[in-house]
N, C-alpha and C. Protein backbone atom coordinates (compact mmCIF):
# COMPACT_ATOMS: atom_id res chain seq x y z
N MET A 1 60.29 -0.30 -59.23
CA MET A 1 59.61 -1.48 -58.73
C MET A 1 60.04 -2.67 -59.55
N ARG A 2 60.21 -3.78 -58.90
CA ARG A 2 60.61 -4.98 -59.61
C ARG A 2 59.41 -5.55 -60.37
N SER A 3 59.70 -6.25 -61.45
CA SER A 3 58.62 -6.78 -62.27
C SER A 3 57.81 -7.81 -61.50
N GLY A 4 56.52 -7.81 -61.72
CA GLY A 4 55.63 -8.78 -61.09
C GLY A 4 55.19 -8.39 -59.70
N GLU A 5 55.48 -7.17 -59.26
CA GLU A 5 55.09 -6.79 -57.91
C GLU A 5 53.81 -5.97 -57.87
N GLY A 6 53.08 -5.88 -58.96
CA GLY A 6 51.75 -5.30 -58.92
C GLY A 6 51.65 -3.82 -59.17
N MET A 7 52.68 -3.16 -59.65
CA MET A 7 52.62 -1.74 -59.92
C MET A 7 51.80 -1.51 -61.18
N LYS A 8 50.93 -0.52 -61.16
CA LYS A 8 50.14 -0.20 -62.35
C LYS A 8 51.01 0.56 -63.34
N ALA A 9 50.75 0.35 -64.61
CA ALA A 9 51.50 1.04 -65.65
C ALA A 9 51.37 2.55 -65.47
N GLY A 10 52.51 3.24 -65.54
CA GLY A 10 52.50 4.69 -65.45
C GLY A 10 52.48 5.24 -64.04
N GLU A 11 52.38 4.40 -63.01
CA GLU A 11 52.36 4.88 -61.64
C GLU A 11 53.77 5.21 -61.20
N GLU A 12 53.96 6.36 -60.57
CA GLU A 12 55.28 6.80 -60.16
C GLU A 12 55.27 7.20 -58.70
N THR A 13 56.48 7.35 -58.14
CA THR A 13 56.56 7.90 -56.80
C THR A 13 56.53 9.40 -56.90
N LYS A 14 56.07 10.04 -55.84
CA LYS A 14 56.06 11.50 -55.78
C LYS A 14 57.37 11.98 -55.20
N ALA A 15 57.67 13.24 -55.43
CA ALA A 15 58.89 13.83 -54.88
C ALA A 15 58.90 13.65 -53.38
N GLY A 16 60.10 13.40 -52.84
CA GLY A 16 60.23 13.27 -51.40
C GLY A 16 60.17 11.83 -50.93
N GLY A 17 60.07 10.87 -51.82
CA GLY A 17 60.14 9.48 -51.40
C GLY A 17 58.81 8.88 -51.00
N GLU A 18 57.73 9.35 -51.58
CA GLU A 18 56.44 8.75 -51.29
C GLU A 18 56.46 7.29 -51.69
N ALA A 19 55.76 6.49 -50.95
CA ALA A 19 55.72 5.06 -51.25
C ALA A 19 54.80 4.80 -52.43
N LYS A 20 55.11 3.75 -53.15
CA LYS A 20 54.26 3.33 -54.26
C LYS A 20 53.16 2.44 -53.74
N ALA A 21 51.95 2.64 -54.22
CA ALA A 21 50.84 1.79 -53.83
C ALA A 21 50.78 0.59 -54.75
N SER A 22 50.59 -0.58 -54.18
CA SER A 22 50.48 -1.78 -55.00
C SER A 22 49.07 -1.87 -55.57
N GLU A 23 48.96 -2.53 -56.72
CA GLU A 23 47.68 -2.72 -57.37
C GLU A 23 46.72 -3.43 -56.41
N GLY A 24 45.52 -2.95 -56.33
CA GLY A 24 44.51 -3.58 -55.49
C GLY A 24 44.48 -3.05 -54.08
N MET A 25 45.41 -2.18 -53.72
CA MET A 25 45.43 -1.63 -52.37
C MET A 25 44.65 -0.33 -52.36
N LYS A 26 43.82 -0.16 -51.37
CA LYS A 26 43.05 1.06 -51.22
C LYS A 26 43.60 1.82 -50.03
N ALA A 27 43.49 3.13 -50.05
CA ALA A 27 43.97 3.94 -48.94
C ALA A 27 43.33 3.48 -47.65
N GLY A 28 44.16 3.23 -46.65
CA GLY A 28 43.66 2.82 -45.36
C GLY A 28 43.20 1.38 -45.32
N GLY A 29 43.34 0.65 -46.40
CA GLY A 29 42.84 -0.72 -46.45
C GLY A 29 43.85 -1.74 -45.98
N GLY A 30 43.40 -2.95 -45.88
CA GLY A 30 44.28 -4.04 -45.46
C GLY A 30 44.92 -4.70 -46.66
N ALA A 31 45.54 -5.81 -46.41
CA ALA A 31 46.21 -6.53 -47.48
C ALA A 31 45.19 -7.20 -48.38
N LYS A 32 45.65 -7.59 -49.57
CA LYS A 32 44.71 -8.09 -50.58
C LYS A 32 44.70 -9.60 -50.74
N ASP A 33 45.66 -10.31 -50.17
CA ASP A 33 45.79 -11.74 -50.41
C ASP A 33 44.99 -12.56 -49.39
N GLY A 34 44.74 -13.83 -49.72
CA GLY A 34 44.07 -14.71 -48.79
C GLY A 34 44.86 -14.84 -47.50
N GLY A 35 44.18 -14.90 -46.37
CA GLY A 35 44.85 -14.99 -45.09
C GLY A 35 45.45 -13.66 -44.66
N ALA A 36 45.15 -12.62 -45.41
CA ALA A 36 45.72 -11.31 -45.12
C ALA A 36 44.80 -10.51 -44.22
N VAL A 37 45.36 -9.50 -43.62
CA VAL A 37 44.62 -8.66 -42.69
C VAL A 37 43.58 -7.83 -43.43
N LYS A 38 42.40 -7.77 -42.88
CA LYS A 38 41.34 -6.91 -43.38
C LYS A 38 41.24 -5.71 -42.46
N ALA A 39 41.14 -4.53 -43.03
CA ALA A 39 41.09 -3.32 -42.23
C ALA A 39 39.93 -3.38 -41.25
N GLY A 40 40.22 -3.03 -40.00
CA GLY A 40 39.19 -2.86 -39.00
C GLY A 40 38.68 -4.12 -38.35
N GLY A 41 39.16 -5.26 -38.67
CA GLY A 41 38.68 -6.43 -37.96
C GLY A 41 38.93 -7.72 -38.70
N GLY A 42 38.63 -8.82 -38.02
CA GLY A 42 38.79 -10.12 -38.62
C GLY A 42 40.22 -10.60 -38.70
N MET A 43 41.14 -9.89 -38.07
CA MET A 43 42.53 -10.35 -38.16
C MET A 43 42.81 -11.40 -37.11
N LYS A 44 43.83 -12.20 -37.41
CA LYS A 44 44.25 -13.24 -36.47
C LYS A 44 45.77 -13.36 -36.52
N ALA A 45 46.32 -13.95 -35.48
CA ALA A 45 47.77 -14.17 -35.44
C ALA A 45 48.18 -14.98 -36.66
N GLY A 46 49.26 -14.57 -37.29
CA GLY A 46 49.74 -15.24 -38.49
C GLY A 46 49.38 -14.51 -39.77
N ASP A 47 48.40 -13.59 -39.70
CA ASP A 47 48.04 -12.83 -40.89
C ASP A 47 49.21 -11.97 -41.33
N VAL A 48 49.40 -11.85 -42.64
CA VAL A 48 50.50 -11.09 -43.21
C VAL A 48 49.96 -9.81 -43.83
N LEU A 49 50.59 -8.69 -43.52
CA LEU A 49 50.21 -7.41 -44.11
C LEU A 49 50.86 -7.29 -45.48
N GLU A 50 50.15 -6.65 -46.41
CA GLU A 50 50.70 -6.42 -47.74
C GLU A 50 51.96 -5.57 -47.61
N PRO A 51 53.02 -5.92 -48.31
CA PRO A 51 54.27 -5.14 -48.23
C PRO A 51 54.09 -3.73 -48.79
N LEU A 52 54.97 -2.85 -48.38
CA LEU A 52 54.99 -1.47 -48.87
C LEU A 52 56.41 -1.15 -49.33
N GLU A 53 56.54 -0.70 -50.57
CA GLU A 53 57.84 -0.33 -51.13
C GLU A 53 58.00 1.18 -51.03
N ILE A 54 59.11 1.62 -50.45
CA ILE A 54 59.38 3.05 -50.29
C ILE A 54 60.72 3.36 -50.94
N GLU A 55 60.70 4.26 -51.91
CA GLU A 55 61.94 4.70 -52.53
C GLU A 55 62.63 5.67 -51.58
N VAL A 56 63.87 5.39 -51.25
CA VAL A 56 64.64 6.22 -50.34
C VAL A 56 65.34 7.29 -51.16
N THR A 57 64.83 8.49 -51.10
CA THR A 57 65.41 9.60 -51.85
C THR A 57 66.18 10.51 -50.90
N ARG A 58 67.05 11.30 -51.47
CA ARG A 58 67.78 12.31 -50.69
C ARG A 58 66.78 13.26 -50.03
N THR A 59 65.73 13.62 -50.75
CA THR A 59 64.72 14.52 -50.20
C THR A 59 64.01 13.89 -49.01
N LEU A 60 63.64 12.63 -49.10
CA LEU A 60 62.99 11.95 -47.97
C LEU A 60 63.89 11.94 -46.74
N ILE A 61 65.16 11.64 -46.94
CA ILE A 61 66.10 11.58 -45.82
C ILE A 61 66.25 12.95 -45.16
N VAL A 62 66.49 13.98 -45.96
CA VAL A 62 66.70 15.32 -45.41
C VAL A 62 65.41 15.87 -44.80
N ALA A 63 64.29 15.70 -45.49
CA ALA A 63 63.01 16.20 -44.96
C ALA A 63 62.65 15.51 -43.66
N GLY A 64 62.88 14.20 -43.57
CA GLY A 64 62.60 13.48 -42.34
C GLY A 64 63.47 13.95 -41.19
N ALA A 65 64.73 14.23 -41.47
CA ALA A 65 65.63 14.73 -40.43
C ALA A 65 65.19 16.12 -39.96
N ILE A 66 64.85 16.98 -40.90
CA ILE A 66 64.42 18.33 -40.54
C ILE A 66 63.10 18.28 -39.76
N ALA A 67 62.15 17.48 -40.24
CA ALA A 67 60.84 17.39 -39.58
C ALA A 67 60.97 16.88 -38.15
N SER A 68 61.95 16.04 -37.90
CA SER A 68 62.15 15.49 -36.55
C SER A 68 63.20 16.28 -35.77
N ARG A 69 63.63 17.42 -36.33
CA ARG A 69 64.59 18.32 -35.69
C ARG A 69 65.91 17.63 -35.37
N ASP A 70 66.31 16.75 -36.27
CA ASP A 70 67.58 16.03 -36.14
C ASP A 70 68.56 16.68 -37.12
N TYR A 71 69.36 17.59 -36.63
CA TYR A 71 70.24 18.36 -37.50
C TYR A 71 71.65 17.79 -37.60
N GLN A 72 71.83 16.54 -37.22
CA GLN A 72 73.15 15.92 -37.37
C GLN A 72 73.52 15.91 -38.85
N ASP A 73 74.75 16.30 -39.13
CA ASP A 73 75.19 16.46 -40.51
C ASP A 73 75.12 15.18 -41.34
N VAL A 74 75.19 14.02 -40.72
CA VAL A 74 75.15 12.76 -41.48
C VAL A 74 73.79 12.52 -42.13
N HIS A 75 72.79 13.34 -41.78
CA HIS A 75 71.46 13.19 -42.37
C HIS A 75 71.16 14.23 -43.45
N HIS A 76 72.12 15.17 -43.71
CA HIS A 76 71.85 16.17 -44.74
C HIS A 76 73.07 16.63 -45.51
N ASP A 77 74.28 16.34 -45.07
CA ASP A 77 75.49 16.82 -45.73
C ASP A 77 76.34 15.62 -46.16
N ALA A 78 76.28 15.30 -47.45
CA ALA A 78 76.98 14.11 -47.96
C ALA A 78 78.48 14.19 -47.74
N GLU A 79 79.07 15.35 -47.94
CA GLU A 79 80.52 15.49 -47.77
C GLU A 79 80.94 15.23 -46.32
N LEU A 80 80.23 15.81 -45.37
CA LEU A 80 80.54 15.58 -43.96
C LEU A 80 80.24 14.14 -43.54
N ALA A 81 79.19 13.55 -44.12
CA ALA A 81 78.89 12.15 -43.83
C ALA A 81 80.05 11.26 -44.29
N ARG A 82 80.60 11.55 -45.47
CA ARG A 82 81.75 10.78 -45.99
C ARG A 82 82.98 10.97 -45.10
N GLU A 83 83.20 12.20 -44.63
CA GLU A 83 84.33 12.46 -43.72
C GLU A 83 84.22 11.63 -42.44
N LYS A 84 82.99 11.31 -42.07
CA LYS A 84 82.75 10.52 -40.84
C LYS A 84 82.68 9.02 -41.14
N GLY A 85 82.97 8.63 -42.39
CA GLY A 85 83.05 7.21 -42.72
C GLY A 85 81.85 6.60 -43.39
N SER A 86 80.82 7.39 -43.65
CA SER A 86 79.63 6.87 -44.33
C SER A 86 79.74 7.16 -45.82
N PRO A 87 79.25 6.28 -46.69
CA PRO A 87 79.34 6.54 -48.12
C PRO A 87 78.43 7.69 -48.58
N ASP A 88 77.43 8.06 -47.76
CA ASP A 88 76.48 9.11 -48.13
C ASP A 88 75.67 9.46 -46.88
N ILE A 89 74.74 10.40 -47.02
CA ILE A 89 73.81 10.67 -45.92
C ILE A 89 72.95 9.43 -45.73
N PHE A 90 72.32 9.30 -44.55
CA PHE A 90 71.45 8.15 -44.29
C PHE A 90 70.28 8.56 -43.44
N MET A 91 69.22 7.78 -43.53
CA MET A 91 67.95 8.06 -42.84
C MET A 91 68.12 7.95 -41.33
N ASN A 92 67.46 8.86 -40.60
CA ASN A 92 67.51 8.80 -39.14
C ASN A 92 66.41 7.87 -38.60
N ILE A 93 66.54 7.49 -37.35
CA ILE A 93 65.62 6.54 -36.74
C ILE A 93 64.20 7.10 -36.62
N LEU A 94 64.08 8.42 -36.44
CA LEU A 94 62.74 8.99 -36.29
C LEU A 94 61.95 8.93 -37.59
N THR A 95 62.63 9.09 -38.72
CA THR A 95 61.96 8.95 -40.02
C THR A 95 61.52 7.50 -40.21
N THR A 96 62.41 6.57 -39.90
CA THR A 96 62.05 5.15 -40.00
C THR A 96 60.87 4.84 -39.09
N ASN A 97 60.90 5.35 -37.86
CA ASN A 97 59.81 5.13 -36.91
C ASN A 97 58.48 5.62 -37.48
N GLY A 98 58.50 6.80 -38.09
CA GLY A 98 57.29 7.35 -38.69
C GLY A 98 56.79 6.51 -39.86
N LEU A 99 57.71 6.02 -40.68
CA LEU A 99 57.32 5.19 -41.82
C LEU A 99 56.74 3.86 -41.35
N VAL A 100 57.29 3.29 -40.29
CA VAL A 100 56.75 2.04 -39.72
C VAL A 100 55.34 2.28 -39.20
N GLY A 101 55.13 3.36 -38.46
CA GLY A 101 53.80 3.67 -37.95
C GLY A 101 52.80 3.89 -39.07
N ARG A 102 53.22 4.62 -40.08
CA ARG A 102 52.36 4.87 -41.23
C ARG A 102 51.99 3.56 -41.94
N TYR A 103 52.97 2.67 -42.10
CA TYR A 103 52.74 1.39 -42.75
C TYR A 103 51.65 0.61 -42.02
N VAL A 104 51.77 0.51 -40.72
CA VAL A 104 50.81 -0.28 -39.94
C VAL A 104 49.42 0.36 -39.99
N THR A 105 49.32 1.67 -39.80
CA THR A 105 48.00 2.30 -39.81
C THR A 105 47.38 2.28 -41.20
N ASP A 106 48.19 2.41 -42.25
CA ASP A 106 47.65 2.30 -43.61
C ASP A 106 47.09 0.92 -43.86
N ARG A 107 47.74 -0.11 -43.35
CA ARG A 107 47.31 -1.47 -43.60
C ARG A 107 46.12 -1.90 -42.73
N LEU A 108 46.05 -1.38 -41.51
CA LEU A 108 44.99 -1.83 -40.60
C LEU A 108 43.78 -0.91 -40.58
N GLY A 109 43.86 0.24 -41.21
CA GLY A 109 42.71 1.11 -41.35
C GLY A 109 42.75 2.37 -40.50
N PRO A 110 41.87 3.31 -40.82
CA PRO A 110 41.90 4.64 -40.21
C PRO A 110 41.55 4.66 -38.72
N SER A 111 40.92 3.65 -38.21
CA SER A 111 40.58 3.63 -36.78
C SER A 111 41.70 3.03 -35.92
N THR A 112 42.82 2.67 -36.55
CA THR A 112 43.95 2.07 -35.83
C THR A 112 44.68 3.14 -35.04
N VAL A 113 44.95 2.84 -33.77
CA VAL A 113 45.71 3.73 -32.90
C VAL A 113 47.01 3.03 -32.52
N LEU A 114 48.12 3.70 -32.77
CA LEU A 114 49.42 3.14 -32.37
C LEU A 114 49.54 3.25 -30.86
N ARG A 115 49.84 2.15 -30.20
CA ARG A 115 50.01 2.14 -28.75
C ARG A 115 51.48 2.13 -28.37
N LYS A 116 52.29 1.40 -29.14
CA LYS A 116 53.72 1.31 -28.87
C LYS A 116 54.44 0.90 -30.15
N VAL A 117 55.53 1.59 -30.45
CA VAL A 117 56.37 1.24 -31.58
C VAL A 117 57.77 1.01 -31.02
N ALA A 118 58.26 -0.21 -31.15
CA ALA A 118 59.60 -0.56 -30.65
C ALA A 118 60.41 -1.10 -31.82
N ILE A 119 61.38 -0.30 -32.28
CA ILE A 119 62.16 -0.72 -33.45
C ILE A 119 63.64 -0.71 -33.15
N ARG A 120 64.37 -1.44 -33.98
CA ARG A 120 65.84 -1.48 -33.92
C ARG A 120 66.35 -1.32 -35.35
N LEU A 121 67.31 -0.43 -35.52
CA LEU A 121 67.88 -0.21 -36.85
C LEU A 121 69.03 -1.18 -37.12
N GLY A 122 69.19 -1.49 -38.38
CA GLY A 122 70.29 -2.34 -38.83
C GLY A 122 71.04 -1.63 -39.95
N ALA A 123 70.95 -2.16 -41.17
CA ALA A 123 71.63 -1.59 -42.33
C ALA A 123 71.05 -0.20 -42.64
N PRO A 124 71.91 0.79 -42.89
CA PRO A 124 71.41 2.15 -43.17
C PRO A 124 70.61 2.22 -44.46
N ASN A 125 69.67 3.19 -44.50
CA ASN A 125 68.95 3.53 -45.72
C ASN A 125 69.67 4.70 -46.37
N TYR A 126 70.28 4.45 -47.54
CA TYR A 126 70.99 5.49 -48.29
C TYR A 126 70.14 5.96 -49.46
N PRO A 127 70.37 7.18 -49.96
CA PRO A 127 69.64 7.65 -51.13
C PRO A 127 69.83 6.70 -52.32
N GLY A 128 68.75 6.52 -53.07
CA GLY A 128 68.80 5.65 -54.25
C GLY A 128 68.42 4.22 -53.96
N ASP A 129 68.25 3.88 -52.69
CA ASP A 129 67.87 2.51 -52.33
C ASP A 129 66.34 2.43 -52.25
N THR A 130 65.84 1.26 -52.02
CA THR A 130 64.41 1.02 -51.82
C THR A 130 64.25 0.23 -50.55
N MET A 131 63.33 0.66 -49.69
CA MET A 131 63.03 -0.09 -48.48
C MET A 131 61.69 -0.79 -48.68
N MET A 132 61.67 -2.07 -48.36
CA MET A 132 60.44 -2.85 -48.44
C MET A 132 60.00 -3.18 -47.03
N LEU A 133 58.86 -2.65 -46.62
CA LEU A 133 58.32 -2.94 -45.29
C LEU A 133 57.33 -4.09 -45.38
N GLY A 134 57.41 -4.98 -44.42
CA GLY A 134 56.48 -6.10 -44.33
C GLY A 134 56.12 -6.33 -42.88
N GLY A 135 54.98 -6.95 -42.64
CA GLY A 135 54.55 -7.19 -41.27
C GLY A 135 53.70 -8.43 -41.15
N THR A 136 53.72 -8.99 -39.94
CA THR A 136 52.92 -10.16 -39.62
C THR A 136 52.25 -9.94 -38.27
N VAL A 137 50.96 -10.20 -38.20
CA VAL A 137 50.23 -10.10 -36.93
C VAL A 137 50.71 -11.24 -36.05
N THR A 138 51.19 -10.91 -34.85
CA THR A 138 51.71 -11.94 -33.95
C THR A 138 50.77 -12.24 -32.79
N ALA A 139 49.88 -11.31 -32.46
CA ALA A 139 48.93 -11.52 -31.37
C ALA A 139 47.71 -10.62 -31.58
N VAL A 140 46.54 -11.13 -31.20
CA VAL A 140 45.30 -10.36 -31.27
C VAL A 140 44.54 -10.58 -29.97
N GLY A 141 44.16 -9.48 -29.32
CA GLY A 141 43.38 -9.57 -28.09
C GLY A 141 41.90 -9.44 -28.35
N ASP A 142 41.09 -9.90 -27.42
CA ASP A 142 39.64 -9.78 -27.54
C ASP A 142 39.17 -8.33 -27.43
N ASP A 143 40.04 -7.47 -26.91
CA ASP A 143 39.69 -6.06 -26.69
C ASP A 143 40.04 -5.15 -27.85
N GLY A 144 40.36 -5.69 -29.01
CA GLY A 144 40.70 -4.88 -30.18
C GLY A 144 42.17 -4.53 -30.27
N THR A 145 42.99 -5.08 -29.38
CA THR A 145 44.42 -4.83 -29.46
C THR A 145 45.08 -5.89 -30.33
N ALA A 146 46.23 -5.51 -30.88
CA ALA A 146 46.99 -6.46 -31.70
C ALA A 146 48.46 -6.07 -31.64
N GLU A 147 49.31 -7.03 -31.96
CA GLU A 147 50.74 -6.78 -32.08
C GLU A 147 51.17 -7.25 -33.46
N VAL A 148 52.01 -6.41 -34.10
CA VAL A 148 52.48 -6.71 -35.44
C VAL A 148 54.01 -6.70 -35.43
N SER A 149 54.60 -7.75 -35.96
CA SER A 149 56.05 -7.83 -36.12
C SER A 149 56.39 -7.20 -37.46
N ILE A 150 57.40 -6.30 -37.46
CA ILE A 150 57.75 -5.53 -38.65
C ILE A 150 59.19 -5.83 -39.07
N VAL A 151 59.40 -5.92 -40.39
CA VAL A 151 60.75 -6.01 -40.95
C VAL A 151 60.79 -5.09 -42.17
N GLY A 152 61.84 -4.27 -42.23
CA GLY A 152 62.07 -3.41 -43.39
C GLY A 152 63.44 -3.71 -43.96
N THR A 153 63.49 -4.06 -45.23
CA THR A 153 64.76 -4.44 -45.84
C THR A 153 65.13 -3.48 -46.97
N ASN A 154 66.44 -3.43 -47.25
CA ASN A 154 66.95 -2.68 -48.39
C ASN A 154 68.04 -3.53 -49.05
N ALA A 155 68.77 -2.96 -49.98
CA ALA A 155 69.78 -3.73 -50.70
C ALA A 155 70.89 -4.26 -49.80
N LEU A 156 71.11 -3.62 -48.66
CA LEU A 156 72.17 -4.03 -47.74
C LEU A 156 71.71 -5.08 -46.73
N GLY A 157 70.41 -5.26 -46.59
CA GLY A 157 69.88 -6.22 -45.61
C GLY A 157 68.70 -5.65 -44.85
N ARG A 158 68.63 -6.01 -43.57
CA ARG A 158 67.53 -5.53 -42.72
C ARG A 158 67.83 -4.12 -42.21
N HIS A 159 66.99 -3.18 -42.62
CA HIS A 159 67.12 -1.80 -42.14
C HIS A 159 66.47 -1.65 -40.78
N VAL A 160 65.29 -2.24 -40.60
CA VAL A 160 64.55 -2.09 -39.35
C VAL A 160 63.83 -3.39 -39.01
N THR A 161 63.81 -3.71 -37.72
CA THR A 161 63.01 -4.81 -37.19
C THR A 161 62.33 -4.29 -35.94
N GLY A 162 61.19 -4.87 -35.61
CA GLY A 162 60.53 -4.43 -34.39
C GLY A 162 59.11 -4.93 -34.28
N THR A 163 58.42 -4.37 -33.29
CA THR A 163 57.02 -4.71 -33.06
C THR A 163 56.23 -3.43 -32.86
N VAL A 164 54.97 -3.49 -33.27
CA VAL A 164 54.06 -2.37 -33.12
C VAL A 164 52.80 -2.90 -32.44
N ALA A 165 52.43 -2.28 -31.31
CA ALA A 165 51.19 -2.62 -30.62
C ALA A 165 50.14 -1.59 -31.01
N VAL A 166 48.94 -2.07 -31.33
CA VAL A 166 47.87 -1.18 -31.80
C VAL A 166 46.55 -1.53 -31.14
N THR A 167 45.63 -0.57 -31.22
CA THR A 167 44.22 -0.82 -30.94
C THR A 167 43.51 -0.58 -32.26
N VAL A 168 42.68 -1.52 -32.67
CA VAL A 168 41.99 -1.42 -33.95
C VAL A 168 40.50 -1.28 -33.70
N GLY A 169 39.89 -0.23 -34.30
CA GLY A 169 38.45 -0.02 -34.18
C GLY A 169 38.06 0.46 -32.80
N GLY A 170 36.77 0.68 -32.61
CA GLY A 170 36.25 1.08 -31.31
C GLY A 170 36.55 2.53 -30.98
N ALA A 171 36.13 2.92 -29.80
CA ALA A 171 36.29 4.30 -29.36
C ALA A 171 37.74 4.58 -28.99
N ARG A 172 38.14 5.81 -29.17
CA ARG A 172 39.48 6.24 -28.79
C ARG A 172 39.42 6.80 -27.38
N THR A 173 39.63 5.92 -26.44
CA THR A 173 39.63 6.35 -25.04
C THR A 173 41.00 6.88 -24.68
N PRO A 174 41.13 7.63 -23.57
CA PRO A 174 42.46 8.09 -23.18
C PRO A 174 43.46 6.94 -23.08
N ALA A 175 43.04 5.79 -22.60
CA ALA A 175 43.95 4.64 -22.46
C ALA A 175 44.36 4.10 -23.82
N ALA A 176 43.53 4.32 -24.84
CA ALA A 176 43.83 3.81 -26.17
C ALA A 176 44.47 4.88 -27.06
N GLY A 177 44.91 5.97 -26.46
CA GLY A 177 45.62 6.97 -27.23
C GLY A 177 44.78 8.14 -27.68
N GLY A 178 43.52 8.19 -27.30
CA GLY A 178 42.68 9.31 -27.68
C GLY A 178 42.81 10.44 -26.67
N LEU A 179 42.16 11.53 -26.96
CA LEU A 179 42.19 12.66 -26.05
C LEU A 179 41.03 12.57 -25.08
N PRO A 180 41.24 12.97 -23.82
CA PRO A 180 40.13 12.95 -22.88
C PRO A 180 39.11 14.00 -23.26
N SER A 181 37.86 13.79 -22.86
CA SER A 181 36.79 14.75 -23.14
C SER A 181 36.98 15.96 -22.26
N ALA A 182 36.51 17.11 -22.77
CA ALA A 182 36.53 18.33 -21.98
C ALA A 182 35.45 18.22 -20.91
N PRO A 183 35.67 18.82 -19.74
CA PRO A 183 34.64 18.80 -18.71
C PRO A 183 33.36 19.45 -19.21
N GLU A 184 32.24 18.99 -18.69
CA GLU A 184 30.96 19.54 -19.11
C GLU A 184 30.93 21.04 -18.85
N GLY A 185 30.44 21.80 -19.79
CA GLY A 185 30.33 23.23 -19.66
C GLY A 185 31.59 23.98 -20.08
N ALA A 186 32.66 23.26 -20.37
CA ALA A 186 33.90 23.92 -20.80
C ALA A 186 33.77 24.31 -22.26
N ALA A 187 34.36 25.42 -22.61
CA ALA A 187 34.26 25.88 -24.00
C ALA A 187 35.51 25.58 -24.76
């Protein structure tokens, strides 16, 4: 972590590329600065989500590829990746998609339901790099819906850009991504 970014002394990342939590951030909570998003409500267009720093490790890249059943060699075999013109293995889009979704739900709170995630990849995430995710609320509906613009950067530039549509708070109806209720009398 770069100096002055709020990391507590002695705090480390866990194996596999877990993200570091910034000082003052609580699990599932919103951003900590003025004009920032508060978990579960009170957000408005223009609010900025607290950034999230993710160390890109070889383990994170390979585990993400395996978890998403993406067995392309460029995501787990450095020698074959180099033969294909890449300097090393690199993160797949499904891992990035999952990290973007996790970032938004961590910042907006546990009642947040992802409705749509639309991302575009740019500069690859290679092992040893750090990705910094940031977001800005671009629209808020009266019905608890919101749209967040996302940017994830690394040493090479923009790794990911996109938008995430969410429903924040309230009941999880089938339309909002919840499961329908079982018919009465069903076991």
